[in-house]
Protein backbone atom coordinates (compact mmCIF):
# COMPACT_ATOMS: atom_id res chain seq x y z
CA UNK A 1 -147.46 -10.28 119.25
CA UNK A 2 -145.77 -12.27 122.05
CA UNK A 3 -142.30 -11.19 123.09
CA UNK A 4 -139.80 -14.07 122.72
CA UNK A 5 -136.61 -12.54 124.04
CA UNK A 6 -135.30 -9.15 125.16
CA UNK A 7 -131.48 -8.74 125.09
CA UNK A 8 -129.93 -5.32 124.74
CA UNK A 9 -127.18 -3.83 122.53
CA UNK A 10 -125.51 -0.56 123.54
CA UNK A 11 -128.36 0.07 125.93
CA UNK A 12 -131.06 -0.33 123.28
CA UNK A 13 -133.50 -3.25 123.43
CA UNK A 14 -133.68 -5.76 120.57
CA UNK A 15 -137.18 -7.17 120.32
CA UNK A 16 -137.83 -10.55 118.71
CA UNK A 17 -141.41 -11.10 117.58
CA UNK A 18 -143.19 -14.22 116.45
CA UNK A 19 -144.54 -14.07 112.86
CA UNK A 20 -147.82 -12.25 112.41
CA UNK A 21 -149.03 -9.14 110.59
CA UNK A 22 -146.33 -6.55 109.77
CA UNK A 23 -145.92 -3.99 112.47
CA UNK A 24 -144.43 -0.52 112.28
CA UNK A 25 -144.62 3.13 113.11
CA UNK A 26 -145.25 6.10 110.85
CA UNK A 27 -142.96 9.12 110.79
CA UNK A 28 -143.50 12.10 108.48
CA UNK A 29 -145.43 10.04 105.94
CA UNK A 30 -142.89 7.16 105.92
CA UNK A 31 -143.63 3.77 107.41
CA UNK A 32 -140.87 2.19 109.47
CA UNK A 33 -141.26 -1.59 109.24
CA UNK A 34 -140.02 -3.56 112.22
CA UNK A 35 -140.57 -7.13 111.22
CA UNK A 36 -141.25 -7.85 107.58
CA UNK A 37 -139.43 -6.81 104.42
CA UNK A 38 -142.41 -6.01 102.17
CA UNK A 39 -140.38 -6.15 98.96
CA UNK A 40 -138.93 -9.66 99.22
CA UNK A 41 -141.45 -11.08 101.68
CA UNK A 42 -138.89 -12.46 104.05
CA UNK A 43 -138.99 -12.14 107.80
CA UNK A 44 -136.11 -10.26 109.39
CA UNK A 45 -135.13 -9.53 112.95
CA UNK A 46 -135.52 -5.77 113.37
CA UNK A 47 -133.84 -3.63 115.96
CA UNK A 48 -136.27 -1.18 117.41
CA UNK A 49 -135.96 1.50 120.05
CA UNK A 50 -138.54 3.62 121.78
CA UNK A 51 -136.22 6.52 121.06
CA UNK A 52 -137.51 7.80 117.69
CA UNK A 53 -134.25 9.59 116.90
CA UNK A 54 -132.44 6.27 117.11
CA UNK A 55 -134.89 4.74 114.66
CA UNK A 56 -134.49 7.61 112.19
CA UNK A 57 -130.69 7.50 112.37
CA UNK A 58 -130.75 3.73 112.02
CA UNK A 59 -132.83 4.04 108.87
CA UNK A 60 -130.24 6.40 107.45
CA UNK A 61 -127.56 3.77 107.88
CA UNK A 62 -125.77 5.47 110.76
CA UNK A 63 -126.16 2.62 113.22
CA UNK A 64 -125.97 -0.45 111.01
CA UNK A 65 -129.57 -1.31 111.77
CA UNK A 66 -131.81 -2.99 109.20
CA UNK A 67 -134.75 -0.74 110.01
CA UNK A 68 -136.00 0.72 106.73
CA UNK A 69 -138.58 3.06 105.26
CA UNK A 70 -141.15 1.49 102.93
CA UNK A 71 -142.15 4.30 100.56
CA UNK A 72 -144.72 3.60 97.82
CA UNK A 73 -144.28 4.80 94.26
CA UNK A 74 -146.02 8.22 94.11
CA UNK A 75 -149.50 8.47 92.61
CA UNK A 76 -149.04 12.08 91.46
CA UNK A 77 -146.60 14.98 91.59
CA UNK A 78 -148.04 16.27 94.85
CA UNK A 79 -147.17 13.02 96.59
CA UNK A 80 -143.82 12.92 94.79
CA UNK A 81 -142.85 16.35 96.09
CA UNK A 82 -143.86 15.42 99.63
CA UNK A 83 -141.74 12.25 99.44
CA UNK A 84 -138.81 14.23 98.05
CA UNK A 85 -139.28 16.79 100.84
CA UNK A 86 -139.15 14.12 103.57
CA UNK A 87 -136.11 12.47 101.97
CA UNK A 88 -134.26 15.77 101.56
CA UNK A 89 -134.97 16.94 105.09
CA UNK A 90 -133.70 13.65 106.49
CA UNK A 91 -130.56 13.84 104.33
CA UNK A 92 -129.95 17.40 105.51
CA UNK A 93 -130.41 16.27 109.10
CA UNK A 94 -127.82 13.56 108.46
CA UNK A 95 -125.45 16.23 107.11
CA UNK A 96 -125.34 15.11 103.49
CA UNK A 97 -123.64 17.91 101.57
CA UNK A 98 -124.07 16.84 97.94
CA UNK A 99 -127.48 15.53 96.90
CA UNK A 100 -129.34 14.54 93.75
CA UNK A 101 -133.06 14.61 92.97
CA UNK A 102 -134.07 13.10 89.62
CA UNK A 103 -137.49 12.25 88.22
CA UNK A 104 -139.39 12.65 84.91
CA UNK A 105 -141.36 15.87 84.42
CA UNK A 106 -143.39 14.91 81.32
CA UNK A 107 -145.41 12.43 83.40
CA UNK A 108 -144.61 9.98 86.19
CA UNK A 109 -144.42 7.12 83.69
CA UNK A 110 -142.50 9.03 81.01
CA UNK A 111 -138.96 8.30 79.88
CA UNK A 112 -136.26 10.75 78.73
CA UNK A 113 -137.23 12.13 75.34
CA UNK A 114 -140.99 11.85 75.82
CA UNK A 115 -141.30 15.61 76.32
CA UNK A 116 -139.82 18.53 74.45
CA UNK A 117 -136.70 20.08 75.99
CA UNK A 118 -138.12 23.54 76.57
CA UNK A 119 -141.38 22.20 77.98
CA UNK A 120 -139.52 19.81 80.29
CA UNK A 121 -137.32 22.62 81.61
CA UNK A 122 -140.36 24.84 82.23
CA UNK A 123 -142.03 21.94 84.05
CA UNK A 124 -138.90 21.40 86.14
CA UNK A 125 -138.79 25.11 86.97
CA UNK A 126 -142.35 25.03 88.30
CA UNK A 127 -141.71 21.85 90.30
CA UNK A 128 -138.52 23.35 91.76
CA UNK A 129 -140.52 26.35 92.97
CA UNK A 130 -143.12 24.05 94.57
CA UNK A 131 -140.35 21.96 96.12
CA UNK A 132 -138.67 25.08 97.56
CA UNK A 133 -141.97 26.33 98.96
CA UNK A 134 -142.43 23.19 101.08
CA UNK A 135 -138.77 22.58 102.00
CA UNK A 136 -137.30 26.04 102.58
CA UNK A 137 -138.73 28.14 105.41
CA UNK A 138 -139.33 31.85 104.74
CA UNK A 139 -136.47 32.89 107.03
CA UNK A 140 -134.03 30.72 105.03
CA UNK A 141 -135.21 31.83 101.58
CA UNK A 142 -132.72 34.70 101.36
CA UNK A 143 -129.91 32.27 102.27
CA UNK A 144 -130.83 29.86 99.48
CA UNK A 145 -129.41 30.36 95.98
CA UNK A 146 -131.02 28.70 92.93
CA UNK A 147 -128.66 28.29 89.98
CA UNK A 148 -130.20 28.04 86.51
CA UNK A 149 -128.11 27.04 83.48
CA UNK A 150 -128.02 30.48 81.85
CA UNK A 151 -128.71 34.13 82.68
CA UNK A 152 -131.73 34.36 80.36
CA UNK A 153 -133.42 31.56 82.31
CA UNK A 154 -133.04 33.59 85.50
CA UNK A 155 -134.92 36.42 83.80
CA UNK A 156 -137.63 34.01 82.67
CA UNK A 157 -137.87 32.44 86.15
CA UNK A 158 -138.36 35.83 87.81
CA UNK A 159 -141.22 36.59 85.42
CA UNK A 160 -142.88 33.19 85.79
CA UNK A 161 -142.52 30.44 88.39
CA UNK A 162 -140.33 32.44 90.81
CA UNK A 163 -142.21 35.71 90.62
CA UNK A 164 -142.41 37.29 94.08
CA UNK A 165 -140.02 34.76 95.61
CA UNK A 166 -137.35 35.79 98.13
CA UNK A 167 -135.06 33.01 96.90
CA UNK A 168 -131.81 34.21 95.32
CA UNK A 169 -131.68 33.34 91.61
CA UNK A 170 -128.37 32.98 89.77
CA UNK A 171 -126.83 31.26 86.73
CA UNK A 172 -123.99 28.90 85.81
CA UNK A 173 -122.98 30.08 82.34
CA UNK A 174 -123.48 33.07 80.08
CA UNK A 175 -123.70 33.24 76.28
CA UNK A 176 -120.66 34.18 74.25
CA UNK A 177 -120.36 35.76 70.80
CA UNK A 178 -120.39 32.22 69.40
CA UNK A 179 -123.61 31.15 71.15
CA UNK A 180 -125.12 29.98 67.86
CA UNK A 181 -122.32 27.39 67.64
CA UNK A 182 -122.94 26.13 71.16
CA UNK A 183 -120.21 28.12 72.91
CA UNK A 184 -120.88 29.64 76.33
CA UNK A 185 -118.62 31.27 78.89
CA UNK A 186 -118.00 29.75 82.30
CA UNK A 187 -118.89 31.88 85.27
CA UNK A 188 -116.37 32.09 88.11
CA UNK A 189 -118.40 30.55 90.93
CA UNK A 190 -116.41 32.23 93.70
CA UNK A 191 -117.80 35.54 92.43
CA UNK A 192 -121.41 34.32 92.49
CA UNK A 193 -121.51 33.02 96.06
CA UNK A 194 -122.28 35.26 99.04
CA UNK A 195 -121.11 34.71 102.64
CA UNK A 196 -124.69 34.31 103.90
CA UNK A 197 -125.53 31.49 101.43
CA UNK A 198 -126.41 28.21 103.14
CA UNK A 199 -128.04 26.07 100.46
CA UNK A 200 -127.49 25.84 96.70
CA UNK A 201 -130.01 24.21 94.38
CA UNK A 202 -128.87 23.68 90.78
CA UNK A 203 -131.65 23.35 88.21
CA UNK A 204 -131.33 20.86 85.31
CA UNK A 205 -127.63 21.41 84.43
CA UNK A 206 -127.48 19.09 81.41
CA UNK A 207 -128.25 21.05 78.22
CA UNK A 208 -124.63 22.18 77.76
CA UNK A 209 -121.66 20.00 78.70
CA UNK A 210 -119.97 22.90 80.53
CA UNK A 211 -122.79 23.21 83.06
CA UNK A 212 -121.91 20.14 85.14
CA UNK A 213 -118.26 21.16 85.16
CA UNK A 214 -119.32 24.49 86.66
CA UNK A 215 -121.43 22.62 89.24
CA UNK A 216 -118.35 20.65 90.29
CA UNK A 217 -116.48 23.94 90.59
CA UNK A 218 -119.28 25.33 92.76
CA UNK A 219 -119.04 22.28 95.00
CA UNK A 220 -115.26 22.49 95.35
CA UNK A 221 -115.07 26.25 95.89
CA UNK A 222 -118.18 26.94 97.97
CA UNK A 223 -119.34 23.70 99.65
CA UNK A 224 -116.33 21.55 100.57
CA UNK A 225 -115.03 22.33 104.08
CA UNK A 226 -118.12 24.46 104.85
CA UNK A 227 -121.55 23.77 106.34
CA UNK A 228 -123.26 24.55 103.03
CA UNK A 229 -125.34 22.01 101.11
CA UNK A 230 -125.83 21.52 97.37
CA UNK A 231 -128.76 19.81 95.61
CA UNK A 232 -128.77 18.97 91.89
CA UNK A 233 -132.35 18.91 90.65
CA UNK A 234 -133.04 16.90 87.45
CA UNK A 235 -129.46 17.07 86.20
CA UNK A 236 -129.75 13.88 84.09
CA UNK A 237 -126.56 12.59 85.69
CA UNK A 238 -127.24 9.17 84.19
CA UNK A 239 -125.81 10.53 80.96
CA UNK A 240 -122.44 10.82 82.69
CA UNK A 241 -122.80 7.56 84.62
CA UNK A 242 -123.63 5.57 81.48
CA UNK A 243 -120.83 6.95 79.32
CA UNK A 244 -123.16 8.91 77.04
CA UNK A 245 -120.34 11.43 76.61
CA UNK A 246 -117.32 9.65 75.02
CA UNK A 247 -114.25 10.13 77.24
CA UNK A 248 -112.09 10.82 74.19
CA UNK A 249 -114.13 13.92 73.29
CA UNK A 250 -115.25 14.90 76.82
CA UNK A 251 -112.45 13.80 79.17
CA UNK A 252 -113.30 16.31 81.93
CA UNK A 253 -116.98 15.43 81.90
CA UNK A 254 -116.31 11.70 81.84
CA UNK A 255 -113.94 12.12 84.79
CA UNK A 256 -116.84 13.32 86.93
CA UNK A 257 -118.11 9.74 87.17
CA UNK A 258 -114.98 8.92 89.19
CA UNK A 259 -114.25 12.18 91.01
CA UNK A 260 -117.57 13.91 91.63
CA UNK A 261 -120.57 11.58 91.35
CA UNK A 262 -119.36 9.06 93.98
CA UNK A 263 -119.61 11.84 96.59
CA UNK A 264 -123.31 12.32 95.81
CA UNK A 265 -126.28 10.99 97.79
CA UNK A 266 -129.27 10.32 95.54
CA UNK A 267 -132.10 11.31 97.87
CA UNK A 268 -134.95 10.86 95.39
CA UNK A 269 -134.92 9.10 92.03
CA UNK A 270 -137.30 7.73 89.39
CA UNK A 271 -136.26 6.27 86.05
CA UNK A 272 -138.80 4.46 83.85
CA UNK A 273 -138.07 1.64 81.42
CA UNK A 274 -140.54 1.01 78.63
CA UNK A 275 -141.09 -1.98 76.38
CA UNK A 276 -141.85 -5.60 77.00
CA UNK A 277 -139.67 -5.72 80.12
CA UNK A 278 -140.71 -2.32 81.39
CA UNK A 279 -140.45 -1.16 84.96
CA UNK A 280 -139.12 1.55 87.27
CA UNK A 281 -135.90 2.15 89.18
CA UNK A 282 -136.98 4.00 92.34
CA UNK A 283 -135.22 5.31 95.42
CA UNK A 284 -136.34 7.47 98.32
CA UNK A 285 -133.62 8.16 100.90
CA UNK A 286 -132.75 6.48 103.18
CA UNK A 287 -134.40 3.40 101.71
CA UNK A 288 -132.87 0.90 99.29
CA UNK A 289 -132.90 1.06 95.49
CA UNK A 290 -135.98 -0.75 94.21
CA UNK A 291 -136.93 -2.12 90.81
CA UNK A 292 -140.69 -1.99 90.42
CA UNK A 293 -143.14 -3.49 87.95
CA UNK A 294 -146.64 -2.22 87.35
CA UNK A 295 -149.42 -4.80 87.57
CA UNK A 296 -153.11 -3.97 87.69
CA UNK A 297 -152.40 -0.29 88.36
CA UNK A 298 -150.15 -1.15 91.32
CA UNK A 299 -146.37 -1.12 91.58
CA UNK A 300 -144.77 -4.32 92.87
CA UNK A 301 -141.16 -4.48 94.00
CA UNK A 302 -139.31 -7.28 92.19
CA UNK A 303 -135.78 -6.46 93.33
CA UNK A 304 -133.97 -4.22 95.79
CA UNK A 305 -130.39 -3.49 96.79
CA UNK A 306 -128.42 -0.96 98.82
CA UNK A 307 -126.21 0.39 96.01
CA UNK A 308 -127.52 2.00 92.84
CA UNK A 309 -127.59 -0.48 89.94
CA UNK A 310 -126.66 0.75 86.48
CA UNK A 311 -129.50 1.40 84.04
CA UNK A 312 -127.99 -1.25 81.78
CA UNK A 313 -128.09 -3.79 84.59
CA UNK A 314 -131.75 -3.03 85.32
CA UNK A 315 -132.79 -3.14 81.66
CA UNK A 316 -130.83 -6.23 80.61
CA UNK A 317 -130.59 -8.34 83.76
CA UNK A 318 -133.01 -7.46 86.55
CA UNK A 319 -136.24 -6.71 84.68
CA UNK A 320 -136.01 -9.57 82.14
CA UNK A 321 -135.40 -12.09 84.93
CA UNK A 322 -138.13 -10.84 87.26
């Protein structure tokens, strides 16, 4: 493509290209587009530097650049885990301390409720192990603590998906004498954490309402003002965001949508919508939030924005109008 102009900003060149085929570079499985926004098919001026670190930081929003990653909807769980790995590693590099990973485990096109609770949790457990195997290096395994909802799940994990693993396994709550009535005892998180811990990964903390309150406690007591990181894996946080728990009955849980969730970076996310106006809300950090529609076995982006839209907005406004 012919070069039209070549000014500089802060020592970095800004290249202006005449319209032609989209150009870009590939980094770790992501494609960095320089000229064309694939989703909305508009031509943008892209800042681009020969310094790859500048490009990566720009994509993460640290320089104000419009450079972005164009990540396709995954074709299977292997590709999904690799995308989540790349997104998580970039978020860690950019010093994000509180992160969320959320996607369906009963099938890439499934919606909440399609699978049985126990089967979904077992599937999540296996996927968490696979995720840890590709993200966490062997030398960091003993400094990584995986929190499961209850102590009995730790026992099950050691005998199944996490057998032979060096990862530290722990739990958020423990049964009480009134377990049959849904009562569990909170665990004091300060007693669970060890000085050498560097990364916490919390597995599906949604079955009992106390679990997310304990996760907030873990964040406040062991992550804030430290170099530690915390990842919530399939925590179904949309229940809290959408007001599924009435504030009158669950005031502490409802308060998390104002005090805790805004601090979170959603590094990987898939939520499917079924029905006549079906589609997908998809995000892979540091890219934008995309609403996708499936047509002829391909996913087409019909809308994108920088901030996460509510599920109600996607279902009632964006998908019906696309």
